[in-house]
Amino acid sequence: MNPNPNITWHASDVDKQARQLLNGHKSPVLWFTGLSGSGKSTVSSTLEKALFARGIHTFILDGDNVRHGLNRNLGFLPADRKENIRRIAEVAKLMSHAGVLTICATISPYREDREMVKDILQQESCYEIYIQCSLEECERRDPKGMYKKARAGEIRHFTGIDAPYEAPLEPELIVPTEGREIGQSVQDILDFLDRESLLL
């Protein structure tokens, strides 16, 4: 929906298909969702290196990184989380049009917000990928010390502790990370991309 009647969309003479043809591959959006500590950032970083080695133009929109700049004014209440997700989806849409395979690694805990992402990216190839790991294992890992702070009451509205995480009901792919080597999880995604013919 146009936010302002005085704003007109300007179409580029070079479209997404032309950019994909130039790059030699499609430009889907891979939307990683999962609890903090589930492995989203580690999987996305390892996947990016594997794709780069195959000549794929790719970029990661990491939830924490985006909050350092574009979304630095947002908190963690549900309304802020929704706006955070909306902005990331809009950036991912632009990157898809640029012919870049985009990996979005963000908790995105609410199903409603992830449905909004699919609406924003309805003209793109968007794949919801659930990076699956139990809360107990995520809390045991606690790579950033966030669960410890949340349990101590130093952080409020922390997903999995005093804020909910709604696991996907029908994701395009479930990637378990508990009790597995990172390479196995990444291979799951590479196999999926090959099955969907997204790297051609």
Protein backbone atom coordinates (compact mmCIF):
# COMPACT_ATOMS: atom_id res chain seq x y z
CA MET A 1 0.00 0.00 0.00
CA ASN A 2 1.31 3.43 -0.96
CA PRO A 3 1.98 5.37 2.28
CA ASN A 4 1.59 8.73 0.57
CA PRO A 5 -0.43 9.61 -2.57
CA ASN A 6 2.33 12.02 -3.61
CA ILE A 7 4.92 9.24 -3.78
CA THR A 8 5.21 7.30 -7.03
CA TRP A 9 7.12 4.05 -7.51
CA HIS A 10 9.91 4.42 -10.06
CA ALA A 11 10.58 1.19 -11.93
CA SER A 12 14.15 0.36 -12.92
CA ASP A 13 14.98 -0.43 -16.54
CA VAL A 14 17.08 -3.31 -15.22
CA ASP A 15 14.76 -5.80 -13.52
CA LYS A 16 15.39 -8.59 -11.03
CA GLN A 17 15.39 -11.30 -13.68
CA ALA A 18 18.14 -9.48 -15.60
CA ARG A 19 20.23 -9.20 -12.45
CA GLN A 20 19.70 -12.88 -11.66
CA LEU A 21 20.76 -13.79 -15.19
CA LEU A 22 23.91 -11.68 -14.83
CA ASN A 23 24.73 -13.29 -11.47
CA GLY A 24 23.94 -16.80 -12.70
CA HIS A 25 21.60 -17.71 -9.85
CA LYS A 26 18.25 -16.84 -8.32
CA SER A 27 17.89 -14.42 -5.41
CA PRO A 28 15.63 -15.95 -2.77
CA VAL A 29 15.26 -14.71 0.79
CA LEU A 30 16.10 -17.33 3.42
CA TRP A 31 14.35 -16.31 6.64
CA PHE A 32 16.01 -18.02 9.62
CA THR A 33 13.93 -18.05 12.78
CA GLY A 34 14.74 -19.64 16.13
CA LEU A 35 15.55 -18.96 19.75
CA SER A 36 18.55 -16.92 20.80
CA GLY A 37 21.46 -19.34 20.92
CA SER A 38 19.88 -21.81 18.49
CA GLY A 39 22.66 -21.22 15.98
CA LYS A 40 21.08 -18.80 13.47
CA SER A 41 24.12 -16.53 13.21
CA THR A 42 26.63 -19.40 13.15
CA VAL A 43 24.67 -21.33 10.52
CA SER A 44 24.11 -18.24 8.38
CA SER A 45 27.80 -17.25 8.52
CA THR A 46 28.97 -20.76 7.61
CA LEU A 47 26.34 -20.99 4.87
CA GLU A 48 27.40 -17.63 3.46
CA LYS A 49 31.00 -18.82 3.15
CA ALA A 50 29.88 -22.01 1.41
CA LEU A 51 27.71 -20.08 -1.03
CA PHE A 52 30.44 -17.51 -1.68
CA ALA A 53 32.82 -20.35 -2.53
CA ARG A 54 30.30 -21.48 -5.14
CA GLY A 55 30.19 -18.02 -6.72
CA ILE A 56 26.82 -17.04 -5.24
CA HIS A 57 26.19 -13.35 -4.54
CA THR A 58 24.89 -13.38 -0.97
CA PHE A 59 24.50 -11.21 2.11
CA ILE A 60 23.37 -11.72 5.72
CA LEU A 61 20.92 -9.43 7.48
CA ASP A 62 21.64 -10.42 11.07
CA GLY A 63 19.09 -9.29 13.64
CA ASP A 64 21.68 -7.94 16.09
CA ASN A 65 23.68 -6.20 13.37
CA VAL A 66 20.62 -4.44 11.97
CA ARG A 67 19.79 -3.18 15.45
CA HIS A 68 23.15 -1.40 15.52
CA GLY A 69 22.06 0.90 12.70
CA LEU A 70 18.77 0.84 10.83
CA ASN A 71 16.78 -0.40 13.84
CA ARG A 72 18.77 1.14 16.67
CA ASN A 73 15.72 3.13 17.83
CA LEU A 74 13.63 0.01 18.47
CA GLY A 75 13.20 -1.91 21.72
CA PHE A 76 11.88 -5.41 22.37
CA LEU A 77 8.20 -4.93 23.10
CA PRO A 78 5.89 -6.67 20.58
CA ALA A 79 5.24 -3.47 18.58
CA ASP A 80 8.97 -2.77 18.31
CA ARG A 81 9.67 -6.36 17.34
CA LYS A 82 7.06 -6.14 14.59
CA GLU A 83 8.59 -2.95 13.19
CA ASN A 84 12.06 -4.49 13.42
CA ILE A 85 10.91 -7.46 11.36
CA ARG A 86 9.04 -5.26 8.87
CA ARG A 87 12.14 -3.16 8.17
CA ILE A 88 14.36 -6.21 7.74
CA ALA A 89 11.83 -7.72 5.32
CA GLU A 90 11.71 -4.51 3.28
CA VAL A 91 15.51 -4.42 3.04
CA ALA A 92 15.53 -8.10 2.07
CA LYS A 93 13.03 -7.31 -0.68
CA LEU A 94 15.34 -4.67 -2.13
CA MET A 95 18.29 -7.05 -1.97
CA SER A 96 16.32 -9.77 -3.71
CA HIS A 97 15.54 -7.31 -6.49
CA ALA A 98 19.27 -6.58 -6.69
CA GLY A 99 19.84 -10.26 -7.47
CA VAL A 100 21.39 -11.12 -4.10
CA LEU A 101 20.57 -14.30 -2.18
CA THR A 102 19.69 -12.83 1.20
CA ILE A 103 19.89 -14.62 4.54
CA CYS A 104 17.86 -13.04 7.34
CA ALA A 105 18.90 -14.36 10.75
CA THR A 106 16.50 -13.02 13.34
CA ILE A 107 14.57 -14.53 16.24
CA SER A 108 11.25 -13.21 14.83
CA PRO A 109 9.32 -14.96 17.62
CA TYR A 110 5.73 -14.28 16.52
CA ARG A 111 3.97 -16.21 13.75
CA GLU A 112 1.91 -13.14 12.89
CA ASP A 113 5.07 -11.16 12.19
CA ARG A 114 6.51 -13.94 10.05
CA GLU A 115 3.26 -13.99 8.05
CA MET A 116 3.74 -10.25 7.53
CA VAL A 117 7.19 -11.03 6.14
CA LYS A 118 5.65 -13.43 3.61
CA ASP A 119 3.14 -10.75 2.61
CA ILE A 120 5.93 -8.21 2.06
CA LEU A 121 7.95 -10.75 0.08
CA GLN A 122 5.03 -12.32 -1.76
CA GLN A 123 6.53 -11.43 -5.15
CA GLU A 124 9.87 -12.92 -4.14
CA SER A 125 11.01 -16.44 -3.30
CA CYS A 126 10.88 -16.40 0.51
CA TYR A 127 11.64 -19.52 2.51
CA GLU A 128 11.02 -19.82 6.24
CA ILE A 129 13.77 -21.94 7.79
CA TYR A 130 13.39 -22.99 11.40
CA ILE A 131 16.73 -23.27 13.18
CA GLN A 132 15.51 -25.74 15.77
CA CYS A 133 17.05 -26.09 19.20
CA SER A 134 15.50 -26.66 22.63
CA LEU A 135 15.31 -23.80 25.13
CA GLU A 136 17.36 -25.91 27.56
CA GLU A 137 20.20 -26.30 25.06
CA CYS A 138 20.07 -22.64 24.01
CA GLU A 139 20.25 -21.61 27.65
CA ARG A 140 23.13 -24.00 28.25
CA ARG A 141 25.05 -22.50 25.34
CA ASP A 142 24.12 -18.89 26.21
CA PRO A 143 26.83 -17.52 23.85
CA LYS A 144 26.12 -13.87 24.71
CA GLY A 145 25.24 -14.34 28.37
CA MET A 146 21.71 -13.11 27.70
CA TYR A 147 19.82 -15.97 29.33
CA LYS A 148 21.77 -15.51 32.53
CA LYS A 149 20.87 -11.82 32.56
CA ALA A 150 17.23 -12.58 31.76
CA ARG A 151 17.01 -15.13 34.60
CA ALA A 152 18.51 -12.52 36.93
CA GLY A 153 15.89 -9.98 35.87
CA GLU A 154 18.44 -7.71 34.21
CA ILE A 155 16.75 -8.08 30.81
CA ARG A 156 13.00 -7.98 30.38
CA HIS A 157 10.88 -9.32 27.50
CA PHE A 158 13.52 -11.91 26.61
CA THR A 159 12.27 -14.55 24.20
CA GLY A 160 11.87 -17.94 25.83
CA ILE A 161 12.04 -16.58 29.37
CA ASP A 162 9.39 -13.89 29.89
CA ALA A 163 8.36 -13.45 26.25
CA PRO A 164 7.02 -16.22 24.00
CA TYR A 165 8.55 -17.94 21.01
CA GLU A 166 6.00 -19.33 18.56
CA ALA A 167 7.67 -22.07 16.55
CA PRO A 168 6.76 -22.27 12.84
CA LEU A 169 3.90 -24.63 12.03
CA GLU A 170 4.80 -25.29 8.40
CA PRO A 171 8.29 -23.98 7.62
CA GLU A 172 9.86 -24.78 4.28
CA LEU A 173 12.75 -26.41 6.14
CA ILE A 174 13.56 -27.46 9.71
CA VAL A 175 17.28 -27.44 10.54
CA PRO A 176 18.09 -29.01 13.91
CA THR A 177 21.33 -27.82 15.51
CA GLU A 178 21.27 -29.68 18.81
CA GLY A 179 23.80 -32.51 19.01
CA ARG A 180 25.04 -31.93 15.45
CA GLU A 181 28.10 -30.45 13.80
CA ILE A 182 27.49 -27.08 12.17
CA GLY A 183 28.48 -28.55 8.80
CA GLN A 184 25.57 -30.99 8.93
CA SER A 185 23.06 -28.17 9.47
CA VAL A 186 24.54 -26.11 6.66
CA GLN A 187 24.49 -29.11 4.33
CA ASP A 188 20.75 -29.48 5.02
CA ILE A 189 20.24 -25.98 3.66
CA LEU A 190 22.54 -26.44 0.67
CA ASP A 191 20.68 -29.63 -0.23
CA PHE A 192 17.38 -27.76 0.05
CA LEU A 193 18.62 -24.95 -2.21
CA ASP A 194 19.77 -27.51 -4.77
CA ARG A 195 16.43 -29.37 -4.63
CA GLU A 196 14.58 -26.10 -5.23
CA SER A 197 16.97 -25.22 -8.09
CA LEU A 198 17.76 -21.87 -6.46
CA LEU A 199 21.48 -21.88 -7.18
CA LEU A 200 21.19 -22.26 -10.96
